[in-house]
Amino acid sequence: MGFEYKLVSSLCKVFSDGENMEELQEKRMTGLKGETLSFQIAYYWGGGRRERGSAAVVSPIADRVHVRTVNLVPCEYPCHTRRDPGYLTDRPGLYPDRLSEISGRGFPLVAGQWRCLWIDVELDEGMEAGDYPVKIRMEAQGAVLCEPQILCRVVDYVLPPLPIPHTEWFHSDCLADYYQVEVFSERHWEIIRAFVKSAAQHRCNMLLTPVFTPPLDTAVWGERPTVQLVDVTVLGEGKYGFGFEKLHRWVDMARECGIEYFEFSHLFTQWGAKAAPKIMAVKNGEYVQIFGWDTDAAGGAYRTFLHQFLTALKKELADMGISQKCYFHISDEPSMDHLESYRKAWEAAAPDLEGYEMIDALSHYDFYEKGLVRQPVCAVDAIEPFLEKRPERLWCYYCTSQCVDVPNRFIALPGYRTRILGTLLYKYRLDGFLHWGYNFYYSERSLYSVDPYRSTDADGSFPSGDPFLVYPGADGKPEGSIRQMLMDEAMSDYCAFTALERLAGREKVLELIDGEKVAFDEYPQEEAYLLRLRERVNEAIAQIKGRMAETNG
């Protein structure tokens, strides 16, 4: 039949021609209780035509093993012309990313191509420590093709929760548009819940909350569909009433899904804070827009509204018991040209937000130095000045522009350039991570909707993979991606480092990390470094736990 296979790590992106493939040297993995271990089976079908195969799990922990197919997705714009040599490709094509359930028809065997199965081994917090073999039996045409096996060693320690906020901006309007459902209808709530739950399950513990329609990636004088959780009523000239029923429902839903932190949509427009976001209200019995692009952000009318709104909101946050878990934004990605308009916006909102966390994505130290942002969220390629004169609390982010040398999650980048983020967050004691696109299914500037199954680059605007981590499944549930799993692994690494720090101190962890140079713009360009690092961290935890058990015994 002409069949080949190789076991490869979760960091490997297997192209249909078999390029870039690095076979696992050791057929074993270790992990802590509560984390997911992932690996892949790359396989080549040399038959004369397309067939379908079946996969069966043979393992004492088969109920904890999840097998999915790795699908090729279109990448018409894989990278910018400004790039480093480390990309897997700079050519448009079909590349591995989307993870989907194996249907009753089985997984594809495509003649003359390499494809992959993605295997997750979900280590339950309550399972016994020890070694568990996991075998995957692959069959086709009534015959066994292969039975690759890997040994999963479970360390007797529960992976701690992620100790810092991690947010991937959640776009509720994209879900309503894609699934063609009414905003905040019961069906919309069901879909939102499914997408939030998937985010939380993969260690995204903070949720962008649209108290008003987020003024993000929106063309000037353009607008996105209204997804406003707070009901506003105009009571008279300069007087407003507020309803928070939908916000309460949102918070309850998110907490049930595992979300810990809430960040509220920006109070001013992006790239300069010059206008108010779109705000809808009932006025004289009609539902109308009362603020937007024609509203001077520094004007008295919006300041009056903002003071009343924030006063009312803070009471609700206190009633819900989440005041200490909430973060506010002024405006996204201001440049030095926007310093004065940002200052005016800050002065309008900051007095009402004393004692609350305030964050914004920016790359200029001056904003922090002048006291205009309490917690800067710095681009990873502009972080050195912030590290040299360290703010009390410092986050980082990357997006389309961070495309040379630094970590990112583009489909055309090697897996280690996504997963290395967790190590960097820990080493540099960063206080949070932000990305702008968990499920952005629009073009740049939100001019029109795109089909993410056909366009992974916002219709040629950003490198493929930048706009979203999950695909909108046909049943209103998200389909995952390799990149979502790599982000999960990055954050799991961070959690494992904190576990070892509790047992042996931070210096022990840094000793393991700094076996090779690790910085934002320079780190090992290989899978092996991260795989070895986690093995060593897990081994150190296991040894310490073993000695503790002997002492207590």
Protein backbone atom coordinates (compact mmCIF):
# COMPACT_ATOMS: atom_id res chain seq x y z
CA MET A 1 0.00 0.00 0.00
CA GLY A 2 2.99 2.34 0.45
CA PHE A 3 2.44 3.64 4.00
CA GLU A 4 4.94 5.43 6.25
CA TYR A 5 4.60 7.11 9.61
CA LYS A 6 6.63 9.07 12.14
CA LEU A 7 5.93 10.24 15.67
CA VAL A 8 6.50 14.00 15.89
CA SER A 9 6.07 16.55 18.64
CA SER A 10 3.28 19.08 19.01
CA LEU A 11 5.78 21.75 17.93
CA CYS A 12 6.17 20.24 14.47
CA LYS A 13 4.11 21.55 11.54
CA VAL A 14 3.98 18.80 8.94
CA PHE A 15 3.55 20.04 5.38
CA SER A 16 2.00 17.81 2.75
CA ASP A 17 5.40 17.27 1.10
CA GLY A 18 6.97 16.18 4.39
CA GLU A 19 9.25 19.20 4.74
CA ASN A 20 10.22 20.54 8.17
CA MET A 21 9.54 17.19 9.83
CA GLU A 22 11.58 16.24 12.88
CA GLU A 23 10.90 12.80 14.32
CA LEU A 24 10.69 12.39 18.09
CA GLN A 25 13.87 10.80 19.40
CA GLU A 26 12.29 9.59 22.63
CA LYS A 27 8.88 7.96 22.54
CA ARG A 28 7.93 9.25 25.96
CA MET A 29 6.46 12.40 27.49
CA THR A 30 6.03 13.59 31.05
CA GLY A 31 3.47 15.95 32.47
CA LEU A 32 1.91 17.20 35.66
CA LYS A 33 -1.60 16.37 36.72
CA GLY A 34 -4.09 18.76 35.18
CA GLU A 35 -2.24 19.49 31.94
CA THR A 36 -2.62 18.17 28.41
CA LEU A 37 0.23 16.37 26.65
CA SER A 38 0.10 16.46 22.88
CA PHE A 39 1.94 14.70 20.07
CA GLN A 40 1.32 13.89 16.43
CA ILE A 41 1.45 10.92 14.12
CA ALA A 42 2.62 12.05 10.71
CA TYR A 43 1.70 9.57 8.01
CA TYR A 44 2.26 9.19 4.28
CA TRP A 45 -0.16 7.38 1.99
CA GLY A 46 1.38 6.01 -1.18
CA GLY A 47 -1.76 4.34 -2.48
CA GLY A 48 -3.09 5.15 -5.90
CA ARG A 49 -6.18 7.03 -4.73
CA ARG A 50 -7.73 8.69 -1.70
CA GLU A 51 -8.88 6.41 1.11
CA ARG A 52 -10.25 6.80 4.60
CA GLY A 53 -8.66 5.36 7.71
CA SER A 54 -9.79 4.70 11.25
CA ALA A 55 -7.97 5.30 14.52
CA ALA A 56 -8.48 3.46 17.81
CA VAL A 57 -6.88 4.25 21.16
CA VAL A 58 -5.38 1.31 23.05
CA SER A 59 -4.43 2.45 26.53
CA PRO A 60 -5.39 2.05 30.19
CA ILE A 61 -6.28 5.76 30.04
CA ALA A 62 -8.07 5.62 26.68
CA ASP A 63 -10.91 7.75 28.04
CA ARG A 64 -8.43 10.59 28.51
CA VAL A 65 -7.00 10.41 24.97
CA HIS A 66 -8.48 12.62 22.26
CA VAL A 67 -7.57 12.11 18.60
CA ARG A 68 -8.17 14.80 15.97
CA THR A 69 -7.11 15.36 12.38
CA VAL A 70 -4.75 18.15 11.36
CA ASN A 71 -6.25 19.95 8.39
CA LEU A 72 -4.50 22.05 5.78
CA VAL A 73 -5.80 25.61 5.58
CA PRO A 74 -5.33 28.30 2.92
CA CYS A 75 -2.59 30.82 3.66
CA GLU A 76 -2.63 33.36 0.87
CA TYR A 77 -0.62 35.86 2.91
CA PRO A 78 1.72 33.79 5.09
CA CYS A 79 4.07 36.60 6.11
CA HIS A 80 5.07 40.20 5.57
CA THR A 81 7.88 41.14 3.22
CA ARG A 82 9.64 42.34 6.38
CA ARG A 83 10.58 39.09 8.06
CA ASP A 84 13.49 37.03 9.35
CA PRO A 85 14.83 33.78 7.82
CA GLY A 86 13.15 31.62 10.46
CA TYR A 87 9.73 31.19 8.80
CA LEU A 88 8.78 27.74 7.57
CA THR A 89 7.68 29.27 4.28
CA ASP A 90 7.10 32.61 2.63
CA ARG A 91 4.98 31.18 -0.18
CA PRO A 92 1.18 31.11 -0.29
CA GLY A 93 -0.28 27.64 -0.06
CA LEU A 94 -2.11 25.10 2.09
CA TYR A 95 -0.53 24.60 5.50
CA PRO A 96 -1.35 22.58 8.66
CA ASP A 97 -3.36 24.33 11.36
CA ARG A 98 -7.04 23.46 11.94
CA LEU A 99 -7.84 20.56 14.28
CA SER A 100 -11.12 18.76 13.72
CA GLU A 101 -12.92 15.76 15.13
CA ILE A 102 -12.65 12.49 13.21
CA SER A 103 -16.04 11.89 11.65
CA GLY A 104 -17.69 8.53 11.12
CA ARG A 105 -15.99 8.40 7.74
CA GLY A 106 -12.58 8.32 9.39
CA PHE A 107 -9.47 10.36 8.70
CA PRO A 108 -8.16 11.14 5.20
CA LEU A 109 -5.46 9.16 3.41
CA VAL A 110 -4.47 11.39 0.51
CA ALA A 111 -2.35 9.78 -2.18
CA GLY A 112 1.20 11.09 -2.30
CA GLN A 113 0.85 13.38 0.73
CA TRP A 114 1.90 13.53 4.34
CA ARG A 115 -0.88 14.30 6.81
CA CYS A 116 -1.18 14.16 10.61
CA LEU A 117 -3.26 12.97 13.49
CA TRP A 118 -3.15 15.15 16.60
CA ILE A 119 -3.32 13.30 19.92
CA ASP A 120 -4.08 14.95 23.25
CA VAL A 121 -3.57 13.06 26.50
CA GLU A 122 -5.54 14.91 29.16
CA LEU A 123 -4.01 14.25 32.56
CA ASP A 124 -6.75 14.45 35.16
CA GLU A 125 -5.90 16.03 38.49
CA GLY A 126 -7.19 12.96 40.29
CA MET A 127 -5.32 10.28 38.35
CA GLU A 128 -2.54 8.22 39.88
CA ALA A 129 1.05 9.15 39.14
CA GLY A 130 2.94 6.64 37.04
CA ASP A 131 3.59 5.43 33.49
CA TYR A 132 0.77 4.97 30.99
CA PRO A 133 1.32 3.59 27.50
CA VAL A 134 -0.79 5.19 24.77
CA LYS A 135 -1.06 3.26 21.52
CA ILE A 136 -2.92 4.47 18.42
CA ARG A 137 -4.01 1.71 16.05
CA MET A 138 -4.45 3.07 12.52
CA GLU A 139 -6.31 0.93 10.01
CA ALA A 140 -7.46 1.15 6.39
CA GLN A 141 -8.91 -1.28 3.87
CA GLY A 142 -9.39 -3.85 6.63
CA ALA A 143 -5.70 -3.92 7.55
CA VAL A 144 -3.63 -2.43 10.37
CA LEU A 145 -1.39 0.31 8.98
CA CYS A 146 0.60 0.93 12.15
CA GLU A 147 0.38 0.89 15.94
CA PRO A 148 2.68 3.66 17.21
CA GLN A 149 2.99 3.93 20.97
CA ILE A 150 4.22 6.60 23.33
CA LEU A 151 4.73 6.37 27.10
CA CYS A 152 3.13 9.11 29.19
CA ARG A 153 4.63 9.59 32.63
CA VAL A 154 2.42 11.44 35.10
CA VAL A 155 4.30 13.33 37.83
CA ASP A 156 2.72 13.35 41.27
CA TYR A 157 2.07 17.10 41.33
CA VAL A 158 -0.92 19.13 40.20
CA LEU A 159 -0.14 21.87 37.68
CA PRO A 160 -0.92 25.20 39.39
CA PRO A 161 -3.32 27.63 37.71
CA LEU A 162 -1.86 30.36 35.52
CA PRO A 163 -0.91 33.11 37.99
CA ILE A 164 -1.14 35.99 35.50
CA PRO A 165 -3.93 37.22 33.21
CA HIS A 166 -3.91 35.91 29.63
CA THR A 167 -6.38 37.49 27.22
CA GLU A 168 -7.15 36.77 23.58
CA TRP A 169 -9.64 39.43 22.53
CA PHE A 170 -13.12 37.99 22.15
CA HIS A 171 -15.26 39.36 19.31
CA SER A 172 -18.94 38.68 20.03
CA ASP A 173 -20.08 40.48 16.88
CA CYS A 174 -18.06 38.14 14.67
CA LEU A 175 -19.96 35.18 16.11
CA ALA A 176 -23.34 36.81 15.50
CA ASP A 177 -22.32 37.68 11.94
CA TYR A 178 -20.84 34.32 11.06
CA TYR A 179 -23.69 32.24 12.46
CA GLN A 180 -26.33 34.74 11.34
CA VAL A 181 -28.01 34.97 14.74
CA GLU A 182 -29.49 37.97 16.51
CA VAL A 183 -27.10 39.64 18.95
CA PHE A 184 -27.68 38.35 22.48
CA SER A 185 -30.46 36.02 21.37
CA GLU A 186 -30.50 32.71 23.24
CA ARG A 187 -28.65 31.06 20.34
CA HIS A 188 -26.01 33.79 20.43
CA TRP A 189 -25.52 33.22 24.16
CA GLU A 190 -25.09 29.47 23.52
CA ILE A 191 -22.44 30.11 20.90
CA ILE A 192 -20.65 32.67 23.06
CA ARG A 193 -20.55 30.19 25.95
CA ALA A 194 -19.03 27.46 23.76
CA PHE A 195 -16.28 29.78 22.51
CA VAL A 196 -15.55 31.19 25.98
CA LYS A 197 -15.38 27.70 27.45
CA SER A 198 -12.84 26.60 24.85
CA ALA A 199 -10.71 29.67 25.59
CA ALA A 200 -10.77 29.02 29.33
CA GLN A 201 -9.98 25.32 28.88
CA HIS A 202 -6.79 26.35 27.09
CA ARG A 203 -5.57 28.70 29.83
CA CYS A 204 -7.00 31.91 28.52
CA ASN A 205 -8.30 33.25 31.83
CA MET A 206 -9.33 36.82 30.94
CA LEU A 207 -12.28 37.91 28.79
CA LEU A 208 -12.82 41.10 26.80
CA THR A 209 -16.25 42.26 27.94
CA PRO A 210 -18.21 44.58 25.63
CA VAL A 211 -19.90 46.96 28.01
CA PHE A 212 -20.11 49.02 24.80
CA THR A 213 -19.30 47.89 21.27
CA PRO A 214 -15.50 47.62 21.27
CA PRO A 215 -13.91 50.38 19.14
CA LEU A 216 -11.27 48.00 17.79
CA ASP A 217 -9.98 47.65 14.23
CA THR A 218 -12.80 49.86 12.98
CA ALA A 219 -12.46 52.26 10.06
CA VAL A 220 -12.87 55.92 10.97
CA TRP A 221 -16.58 56.75 10.60
CA GLY A 222 -17.27 53.04 10.18
CA GLU A 223 -18.93 50.84 12.76
CA ARG A 224 -19.21 47.25 13.87
CA PRO A 225 -22.46 45.50 14.83
CA THR A 226 -23.76 46.62 18.21
CA VAL A 227 -22.83 44.21 20.99
CA GLN A 228 -23.49 46.42 23.98
CA LEU A 229 -24.04 44.65 27.28
CA VAL A 230 -25.08 47.75 29.22
CA ASP A 231 -28.52 49.22 28.58
CA VAL A 232 -28.55 53.01 28.55
CA THR A 233 -31.54 55.32 28.90
CA VAL A 234 -31.39 59.09 28.38
CA LEU A 235 -33.31 60.51 31.33
CA GLY A 236 -32.89 64.17 30.46
CA GLU A 237 -30.26 66.65 29.41
CA GLY A 238 -26.97 65.19 30.66
CA LYS A 239 -28.67 62.51 32.81
CA TYR A 240 -28.56 58.77 32.17
CA GLY A 241 -29.87 55.53 33.58
CA PHE A 242 -28.14 52.15 33.24
CA GLY A 243 -29.27 48.54 33.14
CA PHE A 244 -26.77 45.79 33.88
CA GLU A 245 -28.82 42.61 33.48
CA LYS A 246 -26.89 41.40 30.41
CA LEU A 247 -23.58 42.23 32.04
CA HIS A 248 -24.51 40.12 35.07
CA ARG A 249 -25.41 37.25 32.76
CA TRP A 250 -22.11 37.63 30.88
CA VAL A 251 -20.05 37.55 34.07
CA ASP A 252 -21.93 34.56 35.46
CA MET A 253 -21.49 32.67 32.19
CA ALA A 254 -17.79 33.47 32.00
CA ARG A 255 -17.08 32.46 35.58
CA GLU A 256 -18.93 29.18 35.06
CA CYS A 257 -16.64 28.55 32.06
CA GLY A 258 -13.51 29.20 34.12
CA ILE A 259 -12.76 32.86 33.38
CA GLU A 260 -11.07 34.66 36.28
CA TYR A 261 -10.44 38.22 35.00
CA PHE A 262 -12.55 40.71 33.06
CA GLU A 263 -11.27 43.53 30.86
CA PHE A 264 -13.78 46.09 29.70
CA SER A 265 -13.98 47.41 26.17
CA HIS A 266 -12.02 50.57 25.50
CA LEU A 267 -13.59 53.81 26.64
CA PHE A 268 -12.23 55.74 23.63
CA THR A 269 -11.51 54.98 19.98
CA GLN A 270 -8.35 53.18 18.82
CA TRP A 271 -5.14 54.86 17.62
CA GLY A 272 -5.51 58.18 19.34
CA ALA A 273 -8.48 58.28 21.73
CA LYS A 274 -10.01 61.15 19.79
CA ALA A 275 -13.65 60.04 19.86
CA ALA A 276 -16.11 58.10 21.94
CA PRO A 277 -17.02 54.49 21.12
CA LYS A 278 -20.41 53.77 19.60
CA ILE A 279 -22.94 53.97 22.42
CA MET A 280 -26.61 53.20 21.92
CA ALA A 281 -29.43 54.33 24.22
CA VAL A 282 -33.17 54.61 24.52
CA LYS A 283 -34.02 58.28 24.01
CA ASN A 284 -37.61 59.51 23.83
CA GLY A 285 -38.73 55.92 23.36
CA GLU A 286 -36.36 55.19 20.44
CA TYR A 287 -33.17 53.14 20.38
CA VAL A 288 -30.58 55.52 18.91
CA GLN A 289 -26.85 56.21 18.90
CA ILE A 290 -25.92 58.96 21.33
CA PHE A 291 -22.11 58.92 21.06
CA GLY A 292 -19.63 57.89 18.39
CA TRP A 293 -17.17 59.25 15.85
CA ASP A 294 -18.74 62.70 15.99
CA THR A 295 -18.23 62.89 19.78
CA ASP A 296 -15.16 64.78 20.96
CA ALA A 297 -13.58 62.48 23.51
CA ALA A 298 -12.42 65.45 25.57
CA GLY A 299 -15.77 67.24 25.38
CA GLY A 300 -18.00 67.88 28.34
CA ALA A 301 -20.93 65.77 27.09
CA TYR A 302 -18.99 62.53 26.99
CA ARG A 303 -17.14 63.28 30.21
CA THR A 304 -20.48 63.77 31.96
CA PHE A 305 -21.76 60.48 30.59
CA LEU A 306 -18.56 58.62 31.45
CA HIS A 307 -18.60 59.80 35.06
CA GLN A 308 -22.19 58.62 35.53
CA PHE A 309 -21.53 55.32 33.78
CA LEU A 310 -18.36 54.45 35.70
CA THR A 311 -19.98 55.39 39.00
CA ALA A 312 -22.88 53.03 38.30
CA LEU A 313 -20.63 50.29 36.90
CA LYS A 314 -18.34 50.22 39.93
CA LYS A 315 -21.30 49.54 42.18
CA GLU A 316 -22.31 46.57 40.01
CA LEU A 317 -18.78 45.19 40.01
CA ALA A 318 -18.69 45.38 43.77
CA ASP A 319 -22.08 43.62 44.00
CA MET A 320 -20.76 40.83 41.76
CA GLY A 321 -17.59 40.57 43.85
CA ILE A 322 -15.22 41.05 40.92
CA SER A 323 -13.86 44.58 41.47
CA GLN A 324 -10.36 43.26 42.10
CA LYS A 325 -10.47 41.14 38.94
CA CYS A 326 -11.41 43.91 36.52
CA TYR A 327 -9.23 45.84 34.08
CA PHE A 328 -10.02 48.99 32.12
CA HIS A 329 -8.70 50.37 28.82
CA ILE A 330 -8.43 53.94 27.55
CA SER A 331 -7.39 53.45 23.90
CA ASP A 332 -5.52 50.77 21.98
CA GLU A 333 -2.04 51.27 20.51
CA PRO A 334 -1.53 55.04 20.80
CA SER A 335 1.60 56.46 19.16
CA MET A 336 3.59 59.50 20.21
CA ASP A 337 1.46 61.58 17.82
CA HIS A 338 -1.50 60.75 20.04
CA LEU A 339 0.10 61.72 23.34
CA GLU A 340 -2.05 64.80 23.96
CA SER A 341 -5.37 63.26 22.89
CA TYR A 342 -4.56 60.19 25.01
CA ARG A 343 -3.72 62.47 27.94
CA LYS A 344 -7.12 64.17 27.69
CA ALA A 345 -8.90 60.83 27.55
CA TRP A 346 -6.90 59.59 30.55
CA GLU A 347 -7.79 62.68 32.53
CA ALA A 348 -11.47 62.14 31.73
CA ALA A 349 -11.57 58.57 33.01
CA ALA A 350 -8.76 58.07 35.52
CA PRO A 351 -10.30 59.90 38.51
CA ASP A 352 -13.31 57.56 38.42
CA LEU A 353 -11.06 54.51 38.14
CA GLU A 354 -8.78 55.15 41.07
CA GLY A 355 -7.94 51.80 42.63
CA TYR A 356 -8.82 49.83 39.50
CA GLU A 357 -6.39 48.10 37.16
CA MET A 358 -5.82 50.02 33.91
CA ILE A 359 -3.91 48.57 30.94
CA ASP A 360 -3.24 49.56 27.34
CA ALA A 361 -1.20 48.14 24.49
CA LEU A 362 1.56 50.58 23.51
CA SER A 363 5.22 50.71 22.58
CA HIS A 364 6.42 54.10 23.87
CA TYR A 365 7.84 54.40 27.37
CA ASP A 366 6.83 58.07 27.52
CA PHE A 367 3.19 57.14 28.16
CA TYR A 368 4.18 55.34 31.36
CA GLU A 369 6.81 57.90 32.34
CA LYS A 370 4.21 60.68 32.13
CA GLY A 371 1.81 58.67 34.32
CA LEU A 372 -0.73 58.02 31.55
CA VAL A 373 -0.91 54.25 31.91
CA ARG A 374 -0.68 52.25 35.11
CA GLN A 375 0.15 48.90 33.54
CA PRO A 376 1.75 49.18 30.09
CA VAL A 377 1.19 46.28 27.69
CA CYS A 378 4.33 46.53 25.59
CA ALA A 379 4.96 45.05 22.15
CA VAL A 380 7.53 42.26 22.43
CA ASP A 381 9.83 43.94 19.90
CA ALA A 382 9.86 47.21 21.86
CA ILE A 383 10.15 45.84 25.39
CA GLU A 384 13.83 46.53 26.16
CA PRO A 385 13.32 50.13 27.45
CA PHE A 386 10.52 48.86 29.69
CA LEU A 387 12.76 46.10 31.06
CA GLU A 388 15.63 48.54 31.68
CA LYS A 389 13.44 51.03 33.61
CA ARG A 390 10.93 48.52 34.83
CA PRO A 391 7.38 49.68 35.64
CA GLU A 392 5.92 48.19 38.79
CA ARG A 393 3.72 45.97 36.61
CA LEU A 394 4.44 45.15 32.97
CA TRP A 395 2.56 43.11 30.38
CA CYS A 396 3.45 42.26 26.79
CA TYR A 397 1.66 41.60 23.53
CA TYR A 398 2.32 40.81 19.90
CA CYS A 399 0.27 41.22 16.74
CA THR A 400 0.81 41.57 13.01
CA SER A 401 3.74 44.00 13.38
CA GLN A 402 5.92 41.81 15.62
CA CYS A 403 7.21 39.74 12.71
CA VAL A 404 11.01 39.73 12.99
CA ASP A 405 12.92 37.47 15.41
CA VAL A 406 10.42 37.71 18.30
CA PRO A 407 7.78 35.11 19.27
CA ASN A 408 4.46 35.07 17.45
CA ARG A 409 1.75 32.64 16.40
CA PHE A 410 1.56 32.97 12.61
CA ILE A 411 0.79 29.69 10.84
CA ALA A 412 4.04 29.98 8.84
CA LEU A 413 6.19 30.17 11.99
CA PRO A 414 7.73 27.09 13.65
CA GLY A 415 5.86 25.86 16.71
CA TYR A 416 8.70 26.71 19.08
CA ARG A 417 8.32 30.41 18.23
CA THR A 418 4.82 30.28 19.69
CA ARG A 419 5.54 28.08 22.70
CA ILE A 420 8.68 29.99 23.80
CA LEU A 421 6.39 32.76 25.03
CA GLY A 422 5.65 30.98 28.32
CA THR A 423 9.35 30.74 29.12
CA LEU A 424 9.88 34.43 28.36
CA LEU A 425 6.90 35.52 30.43
CA TYR A 426 8.30 33.64 33.41
CA LYS A 427 11.94 34.66 32.98
CA TYR A 428 11.14 38.36 32.74
CA ARG A 429 8.45 38.28 35.45
CA LEU A 430 5.81 39.74 33.15
CA ASP A 431 2.40 40.33 34.65
CA GLY A 432 0.13 39.41 31.74
CA PHE A 433 -0.16 38.66 28.03
CA LEU A 434 -2.58 40.14 25.49
CA HIS A 435 -3.44 39.32 21.91
CA TRP A 436 -6.02 41.06 19.79
CA GLY A 437 -7.64 38.12 18.00
CA TYR A 438 -9.25 35.03 19.49
CA ASN A 439 -12.02 34.98 16.86
CA PHE A 440 -11.75 37.98 14.54
CA TYR A 441 -13.59 37.02 11.35
CA TYR A 442 -13.63 40.40 9.58
CA SER A 443 -11.36 42.17 7.13
CA GLU A 444 -8.94 44.79 8.36
CA ARG A 445 -10.87 47.79 9.72
CA SER A 446 -13.94 45.53 10.00
CA LEU A 447 -15.23 46.58 6.59
CA TYR A 448 -16.85 43.21 5.83
CA SER A 449 -17.08 39.64 7.07
CA VAL A 450 -14.72 36.93 5.83
CA ASP A 451 -15.01 33.16 5.86
CA PRO A 452 -12.16 32.03 8.14
CA TYR A 453 -12.16 28.61 6.45
CA ARG A 454 -11.15 30.36 3.24
CA SER A 455 -9.25 33.35 4.59
CA THR A 456 -6.91 32.96 7.55
CA ASP A 457 -5.40 36.42 7.00
CA ALA A 458 -8.39 38.83 7.24
CA ASP A 459 -8.52 38.90 3.44
CA GLY A 460 -4.82 39.54 2.95
CA SER A 461 -4.44 42.05 5.77
CA PHE A 462 -2.39 40.18 8.38
CA PRO A 463 -0.13 37.11 8.27
CA SER A 464 -2.23 33.95 8.32
CA GLY A 465 -3.12 32.96 11.86
CA ASP A 466 -2.91 36.44 13.35
CA PRO A 467 -6.69 37.20 13.35
CA PHE A 468 -7.92 34.11 15.22
CA LEU A 469 -7.00 31.00 17.21
CA VAL A 470 -10.22 29.03 16.65
CA TYR A 471 -12.41 28.31 13.66
CA PRO A 472 -16.22 28.61 13.82
CA GLY A 473 -17.51 25.03 13.71
CA ALA A 474 -20.70 24.15 11.89
CA ASP A 475 -22.61 23.40 15.12
CA GLY A 476 -21.85 26.68 16.85
CA LYS A 477 -18.83 25.24 18.64
CA PRO A 478 -15.24 26.23 17.94
CA GLU A 479 -12.75 24.05 16.13
CA GLY A 480 -9.29 24.35 17.57
CA SER A 481 -5.93 24.88 15.93
CA ILE A 482 -2.33 23.82 16.37
CA ARG A 483 -1.66 27.37 17.52
CA GLN A 484 -4.30 27.21 20.23
CA MET A 485 -2.64 24.08 21.59
CA LEU A 486 0.81 25.69 21.40
CA MET A 487 -0.49 28.65 23.41
CA ASP A 488 -1.92 26.17 25.94
CA GLU A 489 1.51 24.53 26.16
CA ALA A 490 3.25 27.90 26.54
CA MET A 491 1.05 28.77 29.51
CA SER A 492 1.40 25.26 30.94
CA ASP A 493 5.18 25.73 30.83
CA TYR A 494 4.77 28.95 32.83
CA CYS A 495 2.61 27.11 35.37
CA ALA A 496 5.16 24.29 35.65
CA PHE A 497 7.92 26.83 36.29
CA THR A 498 5.89 28.30 39.15
CA ALA A 499 5.40 24.78 40.53
CA LEU A 500 9.14 24.15 40.61
CA GLU A 501 9.76 27.61 42.05
CA ARG A 502 7.49 26.76 44.99
CA LEU A 503 9.50 23.62 45.65
CA ALA A 504 13.07 24.70 44.89
CA GLY A 505 13.13 28.48 44.39
CA ARG A 506 13.25 30.74 41.37
CA GLU A 507 17.02 30.40 40.88
CA LYS A 508 16.62 26.68 40.20
CA VAL A 509 14.10 27.40 37.44
CA LEU A 510 16.29 30.10 35.87
CA GLU A 511 19.26 27.73 35.97
CA LEU A 512 17.30 25.31 33.78
CA ILE A 513 15.94 28.02 31.47
CA ASP A 514 19.28 29.75 30.97
CA GLY A 515 21.18 26.70 29.85
CA GLU A 516 21.03 28.55 26.53
CA LYS A 517 20.45 32.23 25.83
CA VAL A 518 16.78 33.10 26.07
CA ALA A 519 15.61 36.63 25.24
CA PHE A 520 12.72 38.07 23.28
CA ASP A 521 14.80 38.49 20.14
CA GLU A 522 17.17 35.56 20.62
CA TYR A 523 16.32 32.06 21.79
CA PRO A 524 17.08 28.47 20.67
CA GLN A 525 15.77 27.92 17.15
CA GLU A 526 14.77 24.31 17.70
CA GLU A 527 12.08 22.10 19.17
CA ALA A 528 14.54 20.20 21.34
CA TYR A 529 15.25 23.06 23.74
CA LEU A 530 11.64 23.40 24.92
CA LEU A 531 11.06 19.65 25.04
CA ARG A 532 14.22 19.13 27.11
CA LEU A 533 13.41 22.08 29.36
CA ARG A 534 10.01 20.71 30.33
CA GLU A 535 11.45 17.25 30.86
CA ARG A 536 14.06 18.68 33.22
CA VAL A 537 11.51 20.79 35.09
CA ASN A 538 9.19 17.80 35.48
CA GLU A 539 12.08 15.58 36.56
CA ALA A 540 13.15 18.10 39.19
CA ILE A 541 9.59 18.30 40.55
CA ALA A 542 9.34 14.49 40.63
CA GLN A 543 12.65 14.14 42.47
CA ILE A 544 11.71 16.71 45.10
CA LYS A 545 8.30 15.12 45.59
CA GLY A 546 9.98 11.74 45.90
CA ARG A 547 12.33 12.96 48.60
CA MET A 548 9.45 14.60 50.44
CA ALA A 549 7.49 11.34 50.34
CA GLU A 550 10.48 9.39 51.73
CA THR A 551 10.91 11.92 54.53
CA ASN A 552 7.23 11.85 55.43
CA GLY A 553 7.14 8.09 55.15
